[in-house]
Amino acid sequence: MANTKSAEKQNRQAIRHRARNQAITSALRTQVRKLREALTAGDAARTKAELTEAVRAISKAASKGVIHKAQASRRIARLSKAASHTAEPAK
């Protein structure tokens, strides 16, 4: 329990920040899930569109400080690599 006025304010801010971070994280996970579903389906056009949206969500989360910029870069690289491998024709 907060004992001072500033501690009470910090608790209020933490609640708002937590709600914002959870919303951004949820949107991020949803976009990544949609991309993985498109990859599984093998639909190249849908995969490309979902990759764009997933990269946008990851970049937004990094810019807001929800995830670290290095983590964002790593996620984007891995998803892009996975998307490029499925887009190639089978040899």
C-alpha atoms as a PDB file:
ATOM      1  CA  MET A   1       0.000   0.000   0.000  1.00  0.00           C
ATOM      2  CA  ALA A   2       1.274   3.442  -0.929  1.00  0.00           C
ATOM      3  CA  ASN A   3       2.228   5.667   1.981  1.00  0.00           C
ATOM      4  CA  THR A   4       2.864   8.959   0.190  1.00  0.00           C
ATOM      5  CA  LYS A   5       1.106  11.033  -2.420  1.00  0.00           C
ATOM      6  CA  SER A   6       3.872  10.423  -4.942  1.00  0.00           C
ATOM      7  CA  ALA A   7       3.703   6.664  -4.348  1.00  0.00           C
ATOM      8  CA  GLU A   8      -0.055   6.706  -4.926  1.00  0.00           C
ATOM      9  CA  LYS A   9       0.487   8.595  -8.194  1.00  0.00           C
ATOM     10  CA  GLN A  10       3.139   6.101  -9.268  1.00  0.00           C
ATOM     11  CA  ASN A  11       0.710   3.253  -8.596  1.00  0.00           C
ATOM     12  CA  ARG A  12      -1.917   4.935 -10.783  1.00  0.00           C
ATOM     13  CA  GLN A  13       0.640   5.429 -13.554  1.00  0.00           C
ATOM     14  CA  ALA A  14       1.819   1.826 -13.288  1.00  0.00           C
ATOM     15  CA  ILE A  15      -1.755   0.602 -13.744  1.00  0.00           C
ATOM     16  CA  ARG A  16      -2.161   2.725 -16.901  1.00  0.00           C
ATOM     17  CA  HIS A  17       1.220   1.672 -18.270  1.00  0.00           C
ATOM     18  CA  ARG A  18       0.525  -2.000 -17.582  1.00  0.00           C
ATOM     19  CA  ALA A  19      -2.798  -1.794 -19.432  1.00  0.00           C
ATOM     20  CA  ARG A  20      -1.156  -0.108 -22.425  1.00  0.00           C
ATOM     21  CA  ASN A  21       1.699  -2.625 -22.488  1.00  0.00           C
ATOM     22  CA  GLN A  22      -0.701  -5.573 -22.287  1.00  0.00           C
ATOM     23  CA  ALA A  23      -2.774  -4.198 -25.176  1.00  0.00           C
ATOM     24  CA  ILE A  24       0.288  -3.694 -27.378  1.00  0.00           C
ATOM     25  CA  THR A  25       1.690  -7.118 -26.455  1.00  0.00           C
ATOM     26  CA  SER A  26      -1.634  -8.782 -27.197  1.00  0.00           C
ATOM     27  CA  ALA A  27      -1.861  -7.095 -30.613  1.00  0.00           C
ATOM     28  CA  LEU A  28       1.722  -8.131 -31.317  1.00  0.00           C
ATOM     29  CA  ARG A  29       1.076 -11.771 -30.457  1.00  0.00           C
ATOM     30  CA  THR A  30      -2.103 -11.789 -32.538  1.00  0.00           C
ATOM     31  CA  GLN A  31      -0.259 -10.499 -35.619  1.00  0.00           C
ATOM     32  CA  VAL A  32       2.548 -13.025 -35.200  1.00  0.00           C
ATOM     33  CA  ARG A  33      -0.003 -15.824 -34.792  1.00  0.00           C
ATOM     34  CA  LYS A  34      -1.784 -14.738 -37.996  1.00  0.00           C
ATOM     35  CA  LEU A  35       1.551 -14.750 -39.827  1.00  0.00           C
ATOM     36  CA  ARG A  36       2.375 -18.244 -38.584  1.00  0.00           C
ATOM     37  CA  GLU A  37      -1.067 -19.455 -39.705  1.00  0.00           C
ATOM     38  CA  ALA A  38      -0.451 -17.988 -43.169  1.00  0.00           C
ATOM     39  CA  LEU A  39       2.957 -19.688 -43.264  1.00  0.00           C
ATOM     40  CA  THR A  40       1.365 -23.006 -42.360  1.00  0.00           C
ATOM     41  CA  ALA A  41      -1.315 -22.571 -45.028  1.00  0.00           C
ATOM     42  CA  GLY A  42       1.363 -21.864 -47.631  1.00  0.00           C
ATOM     43  CA  ASP A  43      -0.438 -18.835 -49.067  1.00  0.00           C
ATOM     44  CA  ALA A  44       2.357 -16.570 -50.385  1.00  0.00           C
ATOM     45  CA  ALA A  45       0.225 -13.430 -50.877  1.00  0.00           C
ATOM     46  CA  ARG A  46      -1.362 -13.712 -47.438  1.00  0.00           C
ATOM     47  CA  THR A  47       2.030 -14.448 -45.878  1.00  0.00           C
ATOM     48  CA  LYS A  48       3.488 -11.270 -47.370  1.00  0.00           C
ATOM     49  CA  ALA A  49       0.576  -9.163 -46.105  1.00  0.00           C
ATOM     50  CA  GLU A  50       0.709 -10.713 -42.637  1.00  0.00           C
ATOM     51  CA  LEU A  51       4.495 -10.252 -42.495  1.00  0.00           C
ATOM     52  CA  THR A  52       4.054  -6.540 -43.160  1.00  0.00           C
ATOM     53  CA  GLU A  53       1.485  -6.252 -40.373  1.00  0.00           C
ATOM     54  CA  ALA A  54       3.578  -8.310 -37.951  1.00  0.00           C
ATOM     55  CA  VAL A  55       6.689  -6.208 -38.613  1.00  0.00           C
ATOM     56  CA  ARG A  56       4.616  -3.076 -38.063  1.00  0.00           C
ATOM     57  CA  ALA A  57       3.288  -4.373 -34.737  1.00  0.00           C
ATOM     58  CA  ILE A  58       6.759  -5.432 -33.570  1.00  0.00           C
ATOM     59  CA  SER A  59       8.279  -2.072 -34.522  1.00  0.00           C
ATOM     60  CA  LYS A  60       5.477  -0.225 -32.756  1.00  0.00           C
ATOM     61  CA  ALA A  61       5.996  -2.276 -29.585  1.00  0.00           C
ATOM     62  CA  ALA A  62       9.732  -1.522 -29.687  1.00  0.00           C
ATOM     63  CA  SER A  63       9.181   2.194 -30.235  1.00  0.00           C
ATOM     64  CA  LYS A  64       6.806   2.307 -27.259  1.00  0.00           C
ATOM     65  CA  GLY A  65       9.347   0.494 -25.086  1.00  0.00           C
ATOM     66  CA  VAL A  66       7.144  -2.560 -24.581  1.00  0.00           C
ATOM     67  CA  ILE A  67       9.857  -4.834 -25.979  1.00  0.00           C
ATOM     68  CA  HIS A  68      13.572  -4.143 -26.368  1.00  0.00           C
ATOM     69  CA  LYS A  69      14.739  -2.928 -29.777  1.00  0.00           C
ATOM     70  CA  ALA A  70      17.169  -5.844 -30.082  1.00  0.00           C
ATOM     71  CA  GLN A  71      14.361  -8.300 -29.393  1.00  0.00           C
ATOM     72  CA  ALA A  72      12.260  -6.561 -32.040  1.00  0.00           C
ATOM     73  CA  SER A  73      15.078  -6.809 -34.559  1.00  0.00           C
ATOM     74  CA  ARG A  74      15.601 -10.490 -33.763  1.00  0.00           C
ATOM     75  CA  ARG A  75      11.888 -11.295 -34.093  1.00  0.00           C
ATOM     76  CA  ILE A  76      11.595  -9.437 -37.391  1.00  0.00           C
ATOM     77  CA  ALA A  77      14.659 -11.221 -38.776  1.00  0.00           C
ATOM     78  CA  ARG A  78      13.389 -14.657 -37.796  1.00  0.00           C
ATOM     79  CA  LEU A  79       9.884 -14.075 -39.134  1.00  0.00           C
ATOM     80  CA  SER A  80      11.236 -12.618 -42.388  1.00  0.00           C
ATOM     81  CA  LYS A  81      13.530 -15.595 -42.802  1.00  0.00           C
ATOM     82  CA  ALA A  82      10.664 -18.023 -42.211  1.00  0.00           C
ATOM     83  CA  ALA A  83       8.459 -16.142 -44.690  1.00  0.00           C
ATOM     84  CA  SER A  84      11.156 -16.108 -47.367  1.00  0.00           C
ATOM     85  CA  HIS A  85      11.773 -19.849 -47.016  1.00  0.00           C
ATOM     86  CA  THR A  86       8.117 -20.708 -47.534  1.00  0.00           C
ATOM     87  CA  ALA A  87       7.765 -18.286 -50.462  1.00  0.00           C
ATOM     88  CA  GLU A  88      10.511 -20.110 -52.399  1.00  0.00           C
ATOM     89  CA  PRO A  89       9.355 -22.913 -54.673  1.00  0.00           C
ATOM     90  CA  ALA A  90      10.219 -26.450 -53.597  1.00  0.00           C
ATOM     91  CA  LYS A  91      13.266 -27.892 -55.339  1.00  0.00           C
END
